[in-house]
Amino acid sequence: MIRVEVVLAWPERVESRLLELGDGATVAEAVAAAGIEGSGDCPAVAVHGVLAKPGQVLRDGDRVELLRPLVADPKDNRRRRAAPRKP
C-alpha cells in the first residue's frame, strides 16, 4: 500500500484527497480514485511539480497535482509588460 495526495487548486479554494492505493498504482488511477470535480478539465498532471504521464507509477508520499488550463499565454503577458509605455 502507498499513500498519495491528489490536489486541484483554484484561485478561491483547494480540493485535496488523501488516498491509499495498491503498490504499482499509476497517476491515472490516483486521479480517478480521487474523484475531484473538474479533474477532467485539467490538461496536465504533475507529481511534486514535475510533469507526469498518466501511466507513471507512484511512490509512497507522492503529491499528484492537477494542472488547470492557462487563462492567458505567459509569453503574451511578458510582451505586454515589456512593451514601451506611452506617456
PDB file of N, CA and C in Angstrom:
ATOM      1  N   MET A   1       0.838  -1.193   0.000  1.00  0.00           N
ATOM      2  CA  MET A   1       0.000   0.000   0.000  1.00  0.00           C
ATOM      3  C   MET A   1       0.876   1.247   0.000  1.00  0.00           C
ATOM      4  N   ILE A   2       0.415   2.240  -0.767  1.00  0.00           N
ATOM      5  CA  ILE A   2       1.081   3.542  -0.757  1.00  0.00           C
ATOM      6  C   ILE A   2       0.043   4.604  -0.421  1.00  0.00           C
ATOM      7  N   ARG A   3       0.526   5.712   0.145  1.00  0.00           N
ATOM      8  CA  ARG A   3      -0.342   6.852   0.441  1.00  0.00           C
ATOM      9  C   ARG A   3       0.078   7.991  -0.469  1.00  0.00           C
ATOM     10  N   VAL A   4      -0.900   8.573  -1.170  1.00  0.00           N
ATOM     11  CA  VAL A   4      -0.632   9.706  -2.048  1.00  0.00           C
ATOM     12  C   VAL A   4      -1.698  10.769  -1.811  1.00  0.00           C
ATOM     13  N   GLU A   5      -1.388  11.991  -2.241  1.00  0.00           N
ATOM     14  CA  GLU A   5      -2.337  13.096  -2.157  1.00  0.00           C
ATOM     15  C   GLU A   5      -2.594  13.585  -3.569  1.00  0.00           C
ATOM     16  N   VAL A   6      -3.863  13.805  -3.897  1.00  0.00           N
ATOM     17  CA  VAL A   6      -4.245  14.380  -5.185  1.00  0.00           C
ATOM     18  C   VAL A   6      -4.833  15.751  -4.898  1.00  0.00           C
ATOM     19  N   VAL A   7      -4.331  16.777  -5.617  1.00  0.00           N
ATOM     20  CA  VAL A   7      -4.703  18.164  -5.323  1.00  0.00           C
ATOM     21  C   VAL A   7      -5.121  18.889  -6.595  1.00  0.00           C
ATOM     22  N   LEU A   8      -6.176  19.690  -6.488  1.00  0.00           N
ATOM     23  CA  LEU A   8      -6.595  20.601  -7.548  1.00  0.00           C
ATOM     24  C   LEU A   8      -6.809  21.956  -6.897  1.00  0.00           C
ATOM     25  N   ALA A   9      -6.025  22.959  -7.317  1.00  0.00           N
ATOM     26  CA  ALA A   9      -6.102  24.293  -6.713  1.00  0.00           C
ATOM     27  C   ALA A   9      -6.808  25.258  -7.656  1.00  0.00           C
ATOM     28  N   TRP A  10      -7.770  25.971  -7.120  1.00  0.00           N
ATOM     29  CA  TRP A  10      -8.472  27.049  -7.816  1.00  0.00           C
ATOM     30  C   TRP A  10      -8.092  28.347  -7.130  1.00  0.00           C
ATOM     31  N   PRO A  11      -8.316  29.496  -7.757  1.00  0.00           N
ATOM     32  CA  PRO A  11      -7.950  30.762  -7.101  1.00  0.00           C
ATOM     33  C   PRO A  11      -8.610  30.947  -5.731  1.00  0.00           C
ATOM     34  N   GLU A  12      -9.832  30.452  -5.573  1.00  0.00           N
ATOM     35  CA  GLU A  12     -10.564  30.686  -4.330  1.00  0.00           C
ATOM     36  C   GLU A  12     -10.621  29.489  -3.395  1.00  0.00           C
ATOM     37  N   ARG A  13     -10.144  28.316  -3.843  1.00  0.00           N
ATOM     38  CA  ARG A  13     -10.205  27.132  -2.980  1.00  0.00           C
ATOM     39  C   ARG A  13      -9.223  26.055  -3.457  1.00  0.00           C
ATOM     40  N   VAL A  14      -9.024  25.085  -2.596  1.00  0.00           N
ATOM     41  CA  VAL A  14      -8.173  23.938  -2.929  1.00  0.00           C
ATOM     42  C   VAL A  14      -8.940  22.676  -2.561  1.00  0.00           C
ATOM     43  N   GLU A  15      -8.945  21.715  -3.473  1.00  0.00           N
ATOM     44  CA  GLU A  15      -9.537  20.415  -3.173  1.00  0.00           C
ATOM     45  C   GLU A  15      -8.417  19.396  -3.098  1.00  0.00           C
ATOM     46  N   SER A  16      -8.429  18.603  -2.056  1.00  0.00           N
ATOM     47  CA  SER A  16      -7.354  17.645  -1.825  1.00  0.00           C
ATOM     48  C   SER A  16      -7.945  16.336  -1.319  1.00  0.00           C
ATOM     49  N   ARG A  17      -7.379  15.240  -1.797  1.00  0.00           N
ATOM     50  CA  ARG A  17      -7.803  13.912  -1.339  1.00  0.00           C
ATOM     51  C   ARG A  17      -6.570  13.109  -0.960  1.00  0.00           C
ATOM     52  N   LEU A  18      -6.575  12.545   0.233  1.00  0.00           N
ATOM     53  CA  LEU A  18      -5.527  11.614   0.649  1.00  0.00           C
ATOM     54  C   LEU A  18      -6.029  10.207   0.337  1.00  0.00           C
ATOM     55  N   LEU A  19      -5.209   9.447  -0.370  1.00  0.00           N
ATOM     56  CA  LEU A  19      -5.636   8.121  -0.816  1.00  0.00           C
ATOM     57  C   LEU A  19      -4.643   7.049  -0.393  1.00  0.00           C
ATOM     58  N   GLU A  20      -5.154   5.865  -0.186  1.00  0.00           N
ATOM     59  CA  GLU A  20      -4.314   4.671  -0.025  1.00  0.00           C
ATOM     60  C   GLU A  20      -4.579   3.800  -1.230  1.00  0.00           C
ATOM     61  N   LEU A  21      -3.522   3.541  -1.987  1.00  0.00           N
ATOM     62  CA  LEU A  21      -3.638   2.755  -3.211  1.00  0.00           C
ATOM     63  C   LEU A  21      -2.694   1.565  -3.140  1.00  0.00           C
ATOM     64  N   GLY A  22      -2.924   0.597  -3.997  1.00  0.00           N
ATOM     65  CA  GLY A  22      -2.057  -0.563  -4.053  1.00  0.00           C
ATOM     66  C   GLY A  22      -0.706  -0.225  -4.659  1.00  0.00           C
ATOM     67  N   ASP A  23       0.300  -1.006  -4.316  1.00  0.00           N
ATOM     68  CA  ASP A  23       1.625  -0.828  -4.915  1.00  0.00           C
ATOM     69  C   ASP A  23       1.492  -0.907  -6.433  1.00  0.00           C
ATOM     70  N   GLY A  24       2.234  -0.055  -7.134  1.00  0.00           N
ATOM     71  CA  GLY A  24       2.183  -0.046  -8.592  1.00  0.00           C
ATOM     72  C   GLY A  24       1.082   0.825  -9.158  1.00  0.00           C
ATOM     73  N   ALA A  25       0.363   1.555  -8.299  1.00  0.00           N
ATOM     74  CA  ALA A  25      -0.708   2.435  -8.772  1.00  0.00           C
ATOM     75  C   ALA A  25      -0.124   3.551  -9.635  1.00  0.00           C
ATOM     76  N   THR A  26      -0.884   3.963 -10.633  1.00  0.00           N
ATOM     77  CA  THR A  26      -0.419   4.992 -11.562  1.00  0.00           C
ATOM     78  C   THR A  26      -1.080   6.335 -11.281  1.00  0.00           C
ATOM     79  N   VAL A  27      -0.559   7.354 -11.938  1.00  0.00           N
ATOM     80  CA  VAL A  27      -1.122   8.703 -11.824  1.00  0.00           C
ATOM     81  C   VAL A  27      -2.594   8.674 -12.229  1.00  0.00           C
ATOM     82  N   ALA A  28      -2.914   8.042 -13.360  1.00  0.00           N
ATOM     83  CA  ALA A  28      -4.299   7.991 -13.836  1.00  0.00           C
ATOM     84  C   ALA A  28      -5.217   7.311 -12.826  1.00  0.00           C
ATOM     85  N   GLU A  29      -4.743   6.258 -12.203  1.00  0.00           N
ATOM     86  CA  GLU A  29      -5.560   5.558 -11.205  1.00  0.00           C
ATOM     87  C   GLU A  29      -5.805   6.442  -9.990  1.00  0.00           C
ATOM     88  N   ALA A  30      -4.803   7.200  -9.575  1.00  0.00           N
ATOM     89  CA  ALA A  30      -4.956   8.096  -8.429  1.00  0.00           C
ATOM     90  C   ALA A  30      -5.953   9.204  -8.730  1.00  0.00           C
ATOM     91  N   VAL A  31      -5.861   9.775  -9.928  1.00  0.00           N
ATOM     92  CA  VAL A  31      -6.788  10.846 -10.311  1.00  0.00           C
ATOM     93  C   VAL A  31      -8.218  10.307 -10.345  1.00  0.00           C
ATOM     94  N   ALA A  32      -8.395   9.130 -10.915  1.00  0.00           N
ATOM     95  CA  ALA A  32      -9.732   8.528 -10.972  1.00  0.00           C
ATOM     96  C   ALA A  32     -10.263   8.216  -9.577  1.00  0.00           C
ATOM     97  N   ALA A  33      -9.409   7.684  -8.715  1.00  0.00           N
ATOM     98  CA  ALA A  33      -9.834   7.325  -7.362  1.00  0.00           C
ATOM     99  C   ALA A  33     -10.181   8.561  -6.535  1.00  0.00           C
ATOM    100  N   ALA A  34      -9.512   9.676  -6.802  1.00  0.00           N
ATOM    101  CA  ALA A  34      -9.761  10.899  -6.038  1.00  0.00           C
ATOM    102  C   ALA A  34     -11.148  11.449  -6.331  1.00  0.00           C
ATOM    103  N   GLY A  35     -11.593  11.331  -7.570  1.00  0.00           N
ATOM    104  CA  GLY A  35     -12.938  11.788  -7.923  1.00  0.00           C
ATOM    105  C   GLY A  35     -13.169  13.262  -7.680  1.00  0.00           C
ATOM    106  N   ILE A  36     -12.168  14.089  -7.909  1.00  0.00           N
ATOM    107  CA  ILE A  36     -12.317  15.526  -7.693  1.00  0.00           C
ATOM    108  C   ILE A  36     -13.061  16.133  -8.880  1.00  0.00           C
ATOM    109  N   GLU A  37     -14.130  16.873  -8.587  1.00  0.00           N
ATOM    110  CA  GLU A  37     -14.914  17.514  -9.634  1.00  0.00           C
ATOM    111  C   GLU A  37     -14.041  18.504 -10.401  1.00  0.00           C
ATOM    112  N   GLY A  38     -14.096  18.455 -11.721  1.00  0.00           N
ATOM    113  CA  GLY A  38     -13.304  19.345 -12.560  1.00  0.00           C
ATOM    114  C   GLY A  38     -11.978  18.754 -12.987  1.00  0.00           C
ATOM    115  N   SER A  39     -11.631  17.577 -12.492  1.00  0.00           N
ATOM    116  CA  SER A  39     -10.335  16.983 -12.843  1.00  0.00           C
ATOM    117  C   SER A  39     -10.268  16.628 -14.323  1.00  0.00           C
ATOM    118  N   GLY A  40     -11.412  16.366 -14.944  1.00  0.00           N
ATOM    119  CA  GLY A  40     -11.437  16.047 -16.367  1.00  0.00           C
ATOM    120  C   GLY A  40     -11.087  17.229 -17.253  1.00  0.00           C
ATOM    121  N   ASP A  41     -11.195  18.439 -16.708  1.00  0.00           N
ATOM    122  CA  ASP A  41     -10.879  19.647 -17.473  1.00  0.00           C
ATOM    123  C   ASP A  41      -9.405  20.022 -17.378  1.00  0.00           C
ATOM    124  N   CYS A  42      -8.646  19.287 -16.611  1.00  0.00           N
ATOM    125  CA  CYS A  42      -7.222  19.602 -16.417  1.00  0.00           C
ATOM    126  C   CYS A  42      -6.396  18.954 -17.531  1.00  0.00           C
ATOM    127  N   PRO A  43      -5.665  19.772 -18.296  1.00  0.00           N
ATOM    128  CA  PRO A  43      -4.927  19.222 -19.438  1.00  0.00           C
ATOM    129  C   PRO A  43      -3.629  18.509 -19.070  1.00  0.00           C
ATOM    130  N   ALA A  44      -3.153  18.697 -17.844  1.00  0.00           N
ATOM    131  CA  ALA A  44      -1.873  18.090 -17.465  1.00  0.00           C
ATOM    132  C   ALA A  44      -1.875  17.741 -15.982  1.00  0.00           C
ATOM    133  N   VAL A  45      -0.924  16.871 -15.620  1.00  0.00           N
ATOM    134  CA  VAL A  45      -0.763  16.431 -14.238  1.00  0.00           C
ATOM    135  C   VAL A  45       0.719  16.496 -13.892  1.00  0.00           C
ATOM    136  N   ALA A  46       1.016  16.829 -12.648  1.00  0.00           N
ATOM    137  CA  ALA A  46       2.398  16.848 -12.182  1.00  0.00           C
ATOM    138  C   ALA A  46       2.498  16.035 -10.893  1.00  0.00           C
ATOM    139  N   VAL A  47       3.679  15.506 -10.650  1.00  0.00           N
ATOM    140  CA  VAL A  47       3.969  14.849  -9.371  1.00  0.00           C
ATOM    141  C   VAL A  47       5.089  15.642  -8.739  1.00  0.00           C
ATOM    142  N   HIS A  48       4.804  16.241  -7.598  1.00  0.00           N
ATOM    143  CA  HIS A  48       5.750  17.123  -6.915  1.00  0.00           C
ATOM    144  C   HIS A  48       6.267  18.220  -7.847  1.00  0.00           C
ATOM    145  N   GLY A  49       5.366  18.793  -8.682  1.00  0.00           N
ATOM    146  CA  GLY A  49       5.726  19.908  -9.541  1.00  0.00           C
ATOM    147  C   GLY A  49       6.400  19.548 -10.850  1.00  0.00           C
ATOM    148  N   VAL A  50       6.594  18.272 -11.132  1.00  0.00           N
ATOM    149  CA  VAL A  50       7.234  17.826 -12.369  1.00  0.00           C
ATOM    150  C   VAL A  50       6.166  17.130 -13.222  1.00  0.00           C
ATOM    151  N   LEU A  51       6.032  17.568 -14.483  1.00  0.00           N
ATOM    152  CA  LEU A  51       5.023  16.971 -15.360  1.00  0.00           C
ATOM    153  C   LEU A  51       5.106  15.448 -15.359  1.00  0.00           C
ATOM    154  N   ALA A  52       3.944  14.825 -15.346  1.00  0.00           N
ATOM    155  CA  ALA A  52       3.889  13.364 -15.275  1.00  0.00           C
ATOM    156  C   ALA A  52       2.936  12.827 -16.331  1.00  0.00           C
ATOM    157  N   LYS A  53       3.175  11.632 -16.761  1.00  0.00           N
ATOM    158  CA  LYS A  53       2.295  10.945 -17.711  1.00  0.00           C
ATOM    159  C   LYS A  53       1.302  10.089 -16.920  1.00  0.00           C
ATOM    160  N   PRO A  54       0.120   9.840 -17.492  1.00  0.00           N
ATOM    161  CA  PRO A  54      -0.894   9.060 -16.772  1.00  0.00           C
ATOM    162  C   PRO A  54      -0.410   7.685 -16.314  1.00  0.00           C
ATOM    163  N   GLY A  55       0.483   7.066 -17.062  1.00  0.00           N
ATOM    164  CA  GLY A  55       0.949   5.733 -16.712  1.00  0.00           C
ATOM    165  C   GLY A  55       2.104   5.690 -15.736  1.00  0.00           C
ATOM    166  N   GLN A  56       2.547   6.861 -15.279  1.00  0.00           N
ATOM    167  CA  GLN A  56       3.677   6.906 -14.338  1.00  0.00           C
ATOM    168  C   GLN A  56       3.294   6.229 -13.029  1.00  0.00           C
ATOM    169  N   VAL A  57       4.148   5.359 -12.537  1.00  0.00           N
ATOM    170  CA  VAL A  57       3.897   4.651 -11.277  1.00  0.00           C
ATOM    171  C   VAL A  57       4.230   5.579 -10.112  1.00  0.00           C
ATOM    172  N   LEU A  58       3.342   5.595  -9.135  1.00  0.00           N
ATOM    173  CA  LEU A  58       3.514   6.461  -7.969  1.00  0.00           C
ATOM    174  C   LEU A  58       4.268   5.751  -6.854  1.00  0.00           C
ATOM    175  N   ARG A  59       4.872   6.574  -6.000  1.00  0.00           N
ATOM    176  CA  ARG A  59       5.562   6.060  -4.814  1.00  0.00           C
ATOM    177  C   ARG A  59       4.879   6.610  -3.568  1.00  0.00           C
ATOM    178  N   ASP A  60       5.118   5.961  -2.468  1.00  0.00           N
ATOM    179  CA  ASP A  60       4.536   6.392  -1.203  1.00  0.00           C
ATOM    180  C   ASP A  60       4.922   7.843  -0.916  1.00  0.00           C
ATOM    181  N   GLY A  61       3.917   8.659  -0.571  1.00  0.00           N
ATOM    182  CA  GLY A  61       4.164  10.054  -0.226  1.00  0.00           C
ATOM    183  C   GLY A  61       4.096  11.025  -1.394  1.00  0.00           C
ATOM    184  N   ASP A  62       3.837  10.535  -2.615  1.00  0.00           N
ATOM    185  CA  ASP A  62       3.758  11.422  -3.778  1.00  0.00           C
ATOM    186  C   ASP A  62       2.561  12.354  -3.663  1.00  0.00           C
ATOM    187  N   ARG A  63       2.739  13.542  -4.253  1.00  0.00           N
ATOM    188  CA  ARG A  63       1.666  14.534  -4.337  1.00  0.00           C
ATOM    189  C   ARG A  63       1.353  14.722  -5.814  1.00  0.00           C
ATOM    190  N   VAL A  64       0.146  14.347  -6.227  1.00  0.00           N
ATOM    191  CA  VAL A  64      -0.295  14.466  -7.612  1.00  0.00           C
ATOM    192  C   VAL A  64      -1.054  15.779  -7.739  1.00  0.00           C
ATOM    193  N   GLU A  65      -0.573  16.644  -8.628  1.00  0.00           N
ATOM    194  CA  GLU A  65      -1.168  17.976  -8.796  1.00  0.00           C
ATOM    195  C   GLU A  65      -1.858  18.059 -10.151  1.00  0.00           C
ATOM    196  N   LEU A  66      -3.152  18.341 -10.127  1.00  0.00           N
ATOM    197  CA  LEU A  66      -3.917  18.512 -11.356  1.00  0.00           C
ATOM    198  C   LEU A  66      -3.709  19.953 -11.822  1.00  0.00           C
ATOM    199  N   LEU A  67      -3.236  20.127 -13.039  1.00  0.00           N
ATOM    200  CA  LEU A  67      -2.886  21.451 -13.545  1.00  0.00           C
ATOM    201  C   LEU A  67      -4.022  21.983 -14.413  1.00  0.00           C
ATOM    202  N   ARG A  68      -4.550  23.134 -14.021  1.00  0.00           N
ATOM    203  CA  ARG A  68      -5.654  23.762 -14.754  1.00  0.00           C
ATOM    204  C   ARG A  68      -5.144  24.402 -16.043  1.00  0.00           C
ATOM    205  N   PRO A  69      -6.038  24.635 -17.009  1.00  0.00           N
ATOM    206  CA  PRO A  69      -5.626  25.315 -18.239  1.00  0.00           C
ATOM    207  C   PRO A  69      -5.183  26.744 -17.935  1.00  0.00           C
ATOM    208  N   LEU A  70      -4.258  27.247 -18.735  1.00  0.00           N
ATOM    209  CA  LEU A  70      -3.801  28.622 -18.560  1.00  0.00           C
ATOM    210  C   LEU A  70      -4.907  29.585 -18.967  1.00  0.00           C
ATOM    211  N   VAL A  71      -5.046  30.670 -18.215  1.00  0.00           N
ATOM    212  CA  VAL A  71      -6.031  31.696 -18.530  1.00  0.00           C
ATOM    213  C   VAL A  71      -5.492  32.603 -19.631  1.00  0.00           C
ATOM    214  N   ALA A  72      -4.187  32.865 -19.595  1.00  0.00           N
ATOM    215  CA  ALA A  72      -3.538  33.725 -20.585  1.00  0.00           C
ATOM    216  C   ALA A  72      -2.187  33.118 -20.954  1.00  0.00           C
ATOM    217  N   ASP A  73      -1.733  33.409 -22.151  1.00  0.00           N
ATOM    218  CA  ASP A  73      -0.439  32.923 -22.611  1.00  0.00           C
ATOM    219  C   ASP A  73       0.672  33.702 -21.899  1.00  0.00           C
ATOM    220  N   PRO A  74       1.566  33.021 -21.172  1.00  0.00           N
ATOM    221  CA  PRO A  74       2.625  33.711 -20.437  1.00  0.00           C
ATOM    222  C   PRO A  74       3.525  34.555 -21.340  1.00  0.00           C
ATOM    223  N   LYS A  75       3.758  34.103 -22.559  1.00  0.00           N
ATOM    224  CA  LYS A  75       4.606  34.884 -23.474  1.00  0.00           C
ATOM    225  C   LYS A  75       3.931  36.202 -23.840  1.00  0.00           C
ATOM    226  N   ASP A  76       2.625  36.176 -24.093  1.00  0.00           N
ATOM    227  CA  ASP A  76       1.901  37.414 -24.393  1.00  0.00           C
ATOM    228  C   ASP A  76       1.928  38.363 -23.205  1.00  0.00           C
ATOM    229  N   ASN A  77       1.772  37.830 -22.010  1.00  0.00           N
ATOM    230  CA  ASN A  77       1.825  38.669 -20.805  1.00  0.00           C
ATOM    231  C   ASN A  77       3.185  39.340 -20.672  1.00  0.00           C
ATOM    232  N   ARG A  78       4.259  38.597 -20.908  1.00  0.00           N
ATOM    233  CA  ARG A  78       5.610  39.156 -20.835  1.00  0.00           C
ATOM    234  C   ARG A  78       5.809  40.258 -21.871  1.00  0.00           C
ATOM    235  N   ARG A  79       5.326  40.013 -23.086  1.00  0.00           N
ATOM    236  CA  ARG A  79       5.451  41.027 -24.145  1.00  0.00           C
ATOM    237  C   ARG A  79       4.713  42.306 -23.761  1.00  0.00           C
ATOM    238  N   ARG A  80       3.535  42.180 -23.187  1.00  0.00           N
ATOM    239  CA  ARG A  80       2.770  43.357 -22.767  1.00  0.00           C
ATOM    240  C   ARG A  80       3.512  44.138 -21.687  1.00  0.00           C
ATOM    241  N   ARG A  81       4.095  43.419 -20.734  1.00  0.00           N
ATOM    242  CA  ARG A  81       4.830  44.101 -19.653  1.00  0.00           C
ATOM    243  C   ARG A  81       6.092  44.776 -20.167  1.00  0.00           C
ATOM    244  N   ALA A  82       6.719  44.187 -21.187  1.00  0.00           N
ATOM    245  CA  ALA A  82       7.986  44.726 -21.704  1.00  0.00           C
ATOM    246  C   ALA A  82       7.761  45.825 -22.728  1.00  0.00           C
ATOM    247  N   ALA A  83       6.570  45.952 -23.264  1.00  0.00           N
ATOM    248  CA  ALA A  83       6.303  46.971 -24.294  1.00  0.00           C
ATOM    249  C   ALA A  83       6.469  48.364 -23.695  1.00  0.00           C
ATOM    250  N   PRO A  84       7.021  49.273 -24.504  1.00  0.00           N
ATOM    251  CA  PRO A  84       7.176  50.650 -24.011  1.00  0.00           C
ATOM    252  C   PRO A  84       5.815  51.273 -23.715  1.00  0.00           C
ATOM    253  N   ARG A  85       5.786  52.006 -22.649  1.00  0.00           N
ATOM    254  CA  ARG A  85       4.520  52.656 -22.241  1.00  0.00           C
ATOM    255  C   ARG A  85       4.428  54.032 -22.866  1.00  0.00           C
ATOM    256  N   LYS A  86       3.231  54.353 -23.302  1.00  0.00           N
ATOM    257  CA  LYS A  86       3.006  55.668 -23.894  1.00  0.00           C
ATOM    258  C   LYS A  86       2.689  56.660 -22.790  1.00  0.00           C
ATOM    259  N   PRO A  87       3.321  57.854 -22.840  1.00  0.00           N
ATOM    260  CA  PRO A  87       3.052  58.868 -21.785  1.00  0.00           C
ATOM    261  C   PRO A  87       1.685  59.465 -21.870  1.00  0.00           C
TER     262      PRO A  87
END
